Amino acid sequence: MIQVSPRDKIFIAVNPVDFRIGIDSPVMIIKTLQADPFAGGFFIFINKRKTAIKVLAYDGQGMWLMHKRLSEGRFTWWPSSKDELAEIDPKNFIILLFNGDAKTLTAQRNWKNL
């Protein structure tokens, strides 16, 4: 499991990407955005429908590619920027992972009533 600390750099690719990609394509995207995927930190991507995110991380030995697809709905918050790569803080990263809205600091409902 990868742990997020307050010192971690977290970058978001603002524009959506095609999620049929494997692990090499996000590395190439990061390099074209003038960032170093091997310097540590997390790089987050979203699909066009905003129903899934991928997170790329380097742990010193190899790359991790994590994928989260929502079972219902879409991600409600995604940063907008004139740059193609935006940086967010670890707190907002965690809020994003749980489909929260970083602007209002509220999380979406986590559990369904069964």
N, C-alpha and C. Protein backbone atom coordinates (compact mmCIF):
# COMPACT_ATOMS: atom_id res chain seq x y z
N MET A 1 0.84 -1.18 0.00
CA MET A 1 0.00 0.00 0.00
C MET A 1 0.88 1.24 0.00
N ILE A 2 0.46 2.23 -0.72
CA ILE A 2 1.21 3.48 -0.79
C ILE A 2 0.61 4.47 0.19
N GLN A 3 1.47 5.09 0.96
CA GLN A 3 1.01 6.06 1.95
C GLN A 3 1.30 7.47 1.46
N VAL A 4 0.36 8.37 1.69
CA VAL A 4 0.51 9.77 1.30
C VAL A 4 0.91 10.57 2.53
N SER A 5 2.00 11.32 2.40
CA SER A 5 2.45 12.16 3.51
C SER A 5 2.32 13.63 3.12
N PRO A 6 2.36 14.52 4.10
CA PRO A 6 2.25 15.95 3.79
C PRO A 6 3.39 16.47 2.91
N ARG A 7 4.50 15.74 2.84
CA ARG A 7 5.65 16.18 2.03
C ARG A 7 5.53 15.76 0.57
N ASP A 8 4.60 14.87 0.26
CA ASP A 8 4.47 14.35 -1.10
C ASP A 8 3.98 15.42 -2.07
N LYS A 9 4.54 15.39 -3.26
CA LYS A 9 4.07 16.24 -4.34
C LYS A 9 2.99 15.48 -5.10
N ILE A 10 1.88 16.16 -5.36
CA ILE A 10 0.76 15.51 -6.05
C ILE A 10 0.36 16.40 -7.21
N PHE A 11 0.39 15.82 -8.40
CA PHE A 11 0.10 16.56 -9.63
C PHE A 11 -1.11 15.96 -10.32
N ILE A 12 -1.92 16.81 -10.90
CA ILE A 12 -3.11 16.38 -11.63
C ILE A 12 -2.96 16.80 -13.08
N ALA A 13 -3.14 15.85 -13.99
CA ALA A 13 -3.22 16.18 -15.41
C ALA A 13 -4.64 16.72 -15.62
N VAL A 14 -4.73 18.00 -15.90
CA VAL A 14 -6.02 18.69 -15.96
C VAL A 14 -6.90 18.14 -17.08
N ASN A 15 -6.31 17.85 -18.22
CA ASN A 15 -7.08 17.34 -19.36
C ASN A 15 -7.30 15.84 -19.23
N PRO A 16 -8.48 15.35 -19.61
CA PRO A 16 -8.75 13.91 -19.54
C PRO A 16 -7.87 13.11 -20.51
N VAL A 17 -7.65 11.84 -20.19
CA VAL A 17 -6.87 10.95 -21.05
C VAL A 17 -7.67 9.69 -21.36
N ASP A 18 -7.25 8.98 -22.38
CA ASP A 18 -7.87 7.72 -22.76
C ASP A 18 -7.42 6.64 -21.78
N PHE A 19 -8.34 5.96 -21.15
CA PHE A 19 -7.99 4.99 -20.12
C PHE A 19 -7.70 3.60 -20.66
N ARG A 20 -7.59 3.44 -21.96
CA ARG A 20 -7.14 2.16 -22.51
C ARG A 20 -5.62 2.06 -22.41
N ILE A 21 -4.99 3.08 -21.84
CA ILE A 21 -3.54 3.13 -21.74
C ILE A 21 -3.03 2.20 -20.64
N GLY A 22 -1.80 1.77 -20.79
CA GLY A 22 -1.14 0.97 -19.77
C GLY A 22 -0.28 1.86 -18.90
N ILE A 23 0.81 1.32 -18.42
CA ILE A 23 1.67 2.07 -17.50
C ILE A 23 2.66 2.98 -18.23
N ASP A 24 3.03 2.63 -19.45
CA ASP A 24 4.02 3.43 -20.17
C ASP A 24 3.45 4.74 -20.71
N SER A 25 2.20 4.74 -21.12
CA SER A 25 1.61 5.96 -21.66
C SER A 25 1.51 7.10 -20.65
N PRO A 26 1.08 6.85 -19.40
CA PRO A 26 1.10 7.95 -18.43
C PRO A 26 2.49 8.50 -18.18
N VAL A 27 3.50 7.62 -18.20
CA VAL A 27 4.88 8.09 -18.02
C VAL A 27 5.26 9.04 -19.16
N MET A 28 4.89 8.69 -20.38
CA MET A 28 5.19 9.55 -21.53
C MET A 28 4.41 10.87 -21.46
N ILE A 29 3.16 10.81 -21.01
CA ILE A 29 2.36 12.04 -20.85
C ILE A 29 3.02 12.96 -19.85
N ILE A 30 3.47 12.41 -18.73
CA ILE A 30 4.12 13.22 -17.69
C ILE A 30 5.39 13.86 -18.24
N LYS A 31 6.17 13.11 -19.00
CA LYS A 31 7.40 13.66 -19.58
C LYS A 31 7.09 14.78 -20.56
N THR A 32 6.01 14.66 -21.35
CA THR A 32 5.66 15.74 -22.29
C THR A 32 5.18 16.98 -21.55
N LEU A 33 4.72 16.81 -20.31
CA LEU A 33 4.30 17.96 -19.49
C LEU A 33 5.46 18.55 -18.70
N GLN A 34 6.67 18.15 -19.06
CA GLN A 34 7.90 18.67 -18.46
C GLN A 34 8.03 18.34 -16.97
N ALA A 35 7.58 17.17 -16.59
CA ALA A 35 7.73 16.70 -15.21
C ALA A 35 8.50 15.38 -15.22
N ASP A 36 9.04 15.01 -14.06
CA ASP A 36 9.82 13.78 -13.95
C ASP A 36 9.02 12.74 -13.17
N PRO A 37 8.52 11.70 -13.83
CA PRO A 37 7.72 10.69 -13.12
C PRO A 37 8.53 9.86 -12.13
N PHE A 38 9.86 9.89 -12.24
CA PHE A 38 10.73 9.11 -11.36
C PHE A 38 11.24 9.91 -10.17
N ALA A 39 10.77 11.13 -10.00
CA ALA A 39 11.22 11.98 -8.89
C ALA A 39 10.37 11.77 -7.64
N GLY A 40 9.44 10.86 -7.68
CA GLY A 40 8.54 10.66 -6.55
C GLY A 40 7.27 11.47 -6.74
N GLY A 41 6.37 11.30 -5.85
CA GLY A 41 5.10 12.00 -5.95
C GLY A 41 4.06 11.18 -6.67
N PHE A 42 2.91 11.78 -6.83
CA PHE A 42 1.77 11.12 -7.45
C PHE A 42 1.30 11.94 -8.64
N PHE A 43 0.88 11.26 -9.69
CA PHE A 43 0.34 11.91 -10.88
C PHE A 43 -1.05 11.32 -11.12
N ILE A 44 -2.05 12.18 -11.18
CA ILE A 44 -3.44 11.74 -11.27
C ILE A 44 -4.01 12.10 -12.62
N PHE A 45 -4.75 11.14 -13.19
CA PHE A 45 -5.40 11.33 -14.49
C PHE A 45 -6.88 10.99 -14.34
N ILE A 46 -7.72 11.58 -15.19
CA ILE A 46 -9.15 11.29 -15.20
C ILE A 46 -9.57 10.93 -16.61
N ASN A 47 -10.63 10.13 -16.72
CA ASN A 47 -11.14 9.81 -18.05
C ASN A 47 -12.13 10.88 -18.51
N LYS A 48 -12.55 10.82 -19.76
CA LYS A 48 -13.41 11.86 -20.33
C LYS A 48 -14.77 11.92 -19.65
N ARG A 49 -15.31 10.79 -19.23
CA ARG A 49 -16.63 10.77 -18.60
C ARG A 49 -16.60 11.14 -17.12
N LYS A 50 -15.39 11.30 -16.57
CA LYS A 50 -15.17 11.61 -15.15
C LYS A 50 -15.76 10.55 -14.23
N THR A 51 -15.64 9.30 -14.64
CA THR A 51 -16.12 8.20 -13.82
C THR A 51 -14.97 7.39 -13.22
N ALA A 52 -13.73 7.69 -13.63
CA ALA A 52 -12.59 6.93 -13.13
C ALA A 52 -11.34 7.81 -13.09
N ILE A 53 -10.45 7.47 -12.18
CA ILE A 53 -9.14 8.14 -12.11
C ILE A 53 -8.06 7.07 -12.09
N LYS A 54 -6.88 7.44 -12.56
CA LYS A 54 -5.68 6.61 -12.46
C LYS A 54 -4.62 7.44 -11.75
N VAL A 55 -3.87 6.79 -10.89
CA VAL A 55 -2.80 7.43 -10.14
C VAL A 55 -1.51 6.68 -10.44
N LEU A 56 -0.50 7.42 -10.87
CA LEU A 56 0.81 6.86 -11.16
C LEU A 56 1.78 7.32 -10.08
N ALA A 57 2.54 6.38 -9.53
CA ALA A 57 3.51 6.72 -8.49
C ALA A 57 4.76 5.86 -8.67
N TYR A 58 5.91 6.43 -8.32
CA TYR A 58 7.18 5.70 -8.35
C TYR A 58 7.65 5.53 -6.91
N ASP A 59 7.97 4.30 -6.51
CA ASP A 59 8.35 4.04 -5.12
C ASP A 59 9.84 3.79 -4.92
N GLY A 60 10.65 4.05 -5.94
CA GLY A 60 12.08 3.82 -5.83
C GLY A 60 12.52 2.53 -6.50
N GLN A 61 11.60 1.58 -6.66
CA GLN A 61 11.90 0.32 -7.32
C GLN A 61 11.14 0.15 -8.62
N GLY A 62 9.98 0.73 -8.67
CA GLY A 62 9.15 0.57 -9.86
C GLY A 62 7.92 1.47 -9.80
N MET A 63 7.18 1.44 -10.88
CA MET A 63 5.98 2.26 -11.00
C MET A 63 4.75 1.53 -10.48
N TRP A 64 3.88 2.27 -9.84
CA TRP A 64 2.57 1.81 -9.44
C TRP A 64 1.55 2.52 -10.32
N LEU A 65 0.56 1.79 -10.81
CA LEU A 65 -0.54 2.40 -11.54
C LEU A 65 -1.83 1.93 -10.86
N MET A 66 -2.48 2.86 -10.19
CA MET A 66 -3.70 2.55 -9.46
C MET A 66 -4.89 3.11 -10.24
N HIS A 67 -6.00 2.39 -10.18
CA HIS A 67 -7.19 2.76 -10.95
C HIS A 67 -8.39 2.70 -10.02
N LYS A 68 -9.20 3.76 -10.01
CA LYS A 68 -10.45 3.76 -9.26
C LYS A 68 -11.57 4.14 -10.20
N ARG A 69 -12.58 3.28 -10.28
CA ARG A 69 -13.77 3.57 -11.08
C ARG A 69 -14.96 3.62 -10.14
N LEU A 70 -15.73 4.69 -10.24
CA LEU A 70 -16.90 4.84 -9.39
C LEU A 70 -18.00 3.87 -9.82
N SER A 71 -18.69 3.29 -8.86
CA SER A 71 -19.80 2.41 -9.20
C SER A 71 -21.04 3.20 -9.59
N GLU A 72 -21.14 4.43 -9.12
CA GLU A 72 -22.25 5.32 -9.47
C GLU A 72 -21.73 6.74 -9.59
N GLY A 73 -22.31 7.51 -10.49
CA GLY A 73 -22.01 8.93 -10.58
C GLY A 73 -20.67 9.24 -11.22
N ARG A 74 -20.26 10.48 -11.03
CA ARG A 74 -19.02 10.99 -11.60
C ARG A 74 -18.24 11.73 -10.52
N PHE A 75 -16.97 11.94 -10.77
CA PHE A 75 -16.18 12.75 -9.85
C PHE A 75 -16.70 14.17 -9.92
N THR A 76 -17.02 14.72 -8.75
CA THR A 76 -17.69 16.02 -8.70
C THR A 76 -16.72 17.19 -8.76
N TRP A 77 -15.46 16.96 -8.40
CA TRP A 77 -14.50 18.06 -8.39
C TRP A 77 -13.27 17.65 -9.21
N TRP A 78 -12.84 18.54 -10.05
CA TRP A 78 -11.59 18.36 -10.79
C TRP A 78 -11.03 19.75 -11.02
N PRO A 79 -9.76 19.96 -10.77
CA PRO A 79 -9.22 21.32 -10.91
C PRO A 79 -9.23 21.81 -12.36
N SER A 80 -9.36 23.08 -12.50
CA SER A 80 -9.22 23.70 -13.82
C SER A 80 -8.01 24.63 -13.75
N SER A 81 -7.27 24.64 -14.80
CA SER A 81 -6.05 25.45 -14.83
C SER A 81 -5.70 25.72 -16.28
N LYS A 82 -5.02 26.84 -16.49
CA LYS A 82 -4.53 27.10 -17.85
C LYS A 82 -3.34 26.21 -18.16
N ASP A 83 -2.68 25.71 -17.13
CA ASP A 83 -1.59 24.75 -17.31
C ASP A 83 -2.18 23.36 -17.44
N GLU A 84 -1.44 22.47 -18.09
CA GLU A 84 -1.93 21.10 -18.26
C GLU A 84 -1.65 20.22 -17.05
N LEU A 85 -0.77 20.69 -16.15
CA LEU A 85 -0.43 19.95 -14.95
C LEU A 85 -0.60 20.88 -13.76
N ALA A 86 -1.46 20.50 -12.82
CA ALA A 86 -1.71 21.32 -11.63
C ALA A 86 -1.24 20.55 -10.40
N GLU A 87 -0.84 21.28 -9.38
CA GLU A 87 -0.41 20.64 -8.13
C GLU A 87 -1.48 20.86 -7.08
N ILE A 88 -1.78 19.79 -6.33
CA ILE A 88 -2.71 19.90 -5.21
C ILE A 88 -2.03 19.39 -3.95
N ASP A 89 -2.59 19.72 -2.80
CA ASP A 89 -1.99 19.25 -1.55
C ASP A 89 -2.54 17.86 -1.19
N PRO A 90 -1.84 17.15 -0.29
CA PRO A 90 -2.26 15.78 0.05
C PRO A 90 -3.69 15.70 0.61
N LYS A 91 -4.12 16.70 1.36
CA LYS A 91 -5.48 16.68 1.92
C LYS A 91 -6.51 16.66 0.79
N ASN A 92 -6.32 17.49 -0.22
CA ASN A 92 -7.24 17.52 -1.35
C ASN A 92 -7.16 16.24 -2.18
N PHE A 93 -5.99 15.62 -2.20
CA PHE A 93 -5.84 14.33 -2.89
C PHE A 93 -6.72 13.27 -2.24
N ILE A 94 -6.69 13.20 -0.92
CA ILE A 94 -7.51 12.23 -0.20
C ILE A 94 -8.99 12.53 -0.40
N ILE A 95 -9.36 13.80 -0.36
CA ILE A 95 -10.76 14.17 -0.61
C ILE A 95 -11.16 13.75 -2.01
N LEU A 96 -10.29 13.96 -2.98
CA LEU A 96 -10.57 13.56 -4.36
C LEU A 96 -10.75 12.04 -4.48
N LEU A 97 -9.91 11.27 -3.80
CA LEU A 97 -10.02 9.81 -3.87
C LEU A 97 -11.37 9.30 -3.37
N PHE A 98 -11.97 10.02 -2.43
CA PHE A 98 -13.27 9.63 -1.91
C PHE A 98 -14.40 10.41 -2.57
N ASN A 99 -14.12 10.94 -3.78
CA ASN A 99 -15.09 11.67 -4.59
C ASN A 99 -15.68 12.85 -3.84
N GLY A 100 -14.85 13.56 -3.13
CA GLY A 100 -15.31 14.74 -2.42
C GLY A 100 -15.07 15.99 -3.24
N ASP A 101 -15.53 17.09 -2.72
CA ASP A 101 -15.35 18.39 -3.36
C ASP A 101 -14.37 19.20 -2.52
N ALA A 102 -13.18 19.44 -3.06
CA ALA A 102 -12.14 20.14 -2.31
C ALA A 102 -12.52 21.59 -2.03
N LYS A 103 -13.39 22.16 -2.85
CA LYS A 103 -13.80 23.55 -2.62
C LYS A 103 -14.69 23.70 -1.39
N THR A 104 -15.54 22.72 -1.15
CA THR A 104 -16.45 22.79 -0.01
C THR A 104 -16.03 21.89 1.13
N LEU A 105 -14.97 21.09 0.90
CA LEU A 105 -14.46 20.12 1.88
C LEU A 105 -15.54 19.17 2.36
N THR A 106 -16.37 18.71 1.44
CA THR A 106 -17.38 17.72 1.78
C THR A 106 -17.14 16.46 0.96
N ALA A 107 -17.44 15.34 1.56
CA ALA A 107 -17.28 14.06 0.87
C ALA A 107 -18.63 13.55 0.41
N GLN A 108 -18.61 12.78 -0.66
CA GLN A 108 -19.84 12.16 -1.12
C GLN A 108 -20.20 11.02 -0.18
N ARG A 109 -21.43 10.56 -0.27
CA ARG A 109 -21.88 9.46 0.57
C ARG A 109 -21.00 8.23 0.29
N ASN A 110 -20.47 7.63 1.34
CA ASN A 110 -19.53 6.52 1.18
C ASN A 110 -20.20 5.16 1.07
N TRP A 111 -21.31 4.98 1.71
CA TRP A 111 -21.90 3.65 1.80
C TRP A 111 -23.34 3.68 1.31
N LYS A 112 -23.75 2.58 0.75
CA LYS A 112 -25.14 2.41 0.36
C LYS A 112 -25.87 1.68 1.49
N ASN A 113 -27.15 1.95 1.60
CA ASN A 113 -27.96 1.16 2.51
C ASN A 113 -28.32 -0.13 1.79
N LEU A 114 -27.96 -1.24 2.37
CA LEU A 114 -28.23 -2.54 1.72
C LEU A 114 -29.53 -3.13 2.19
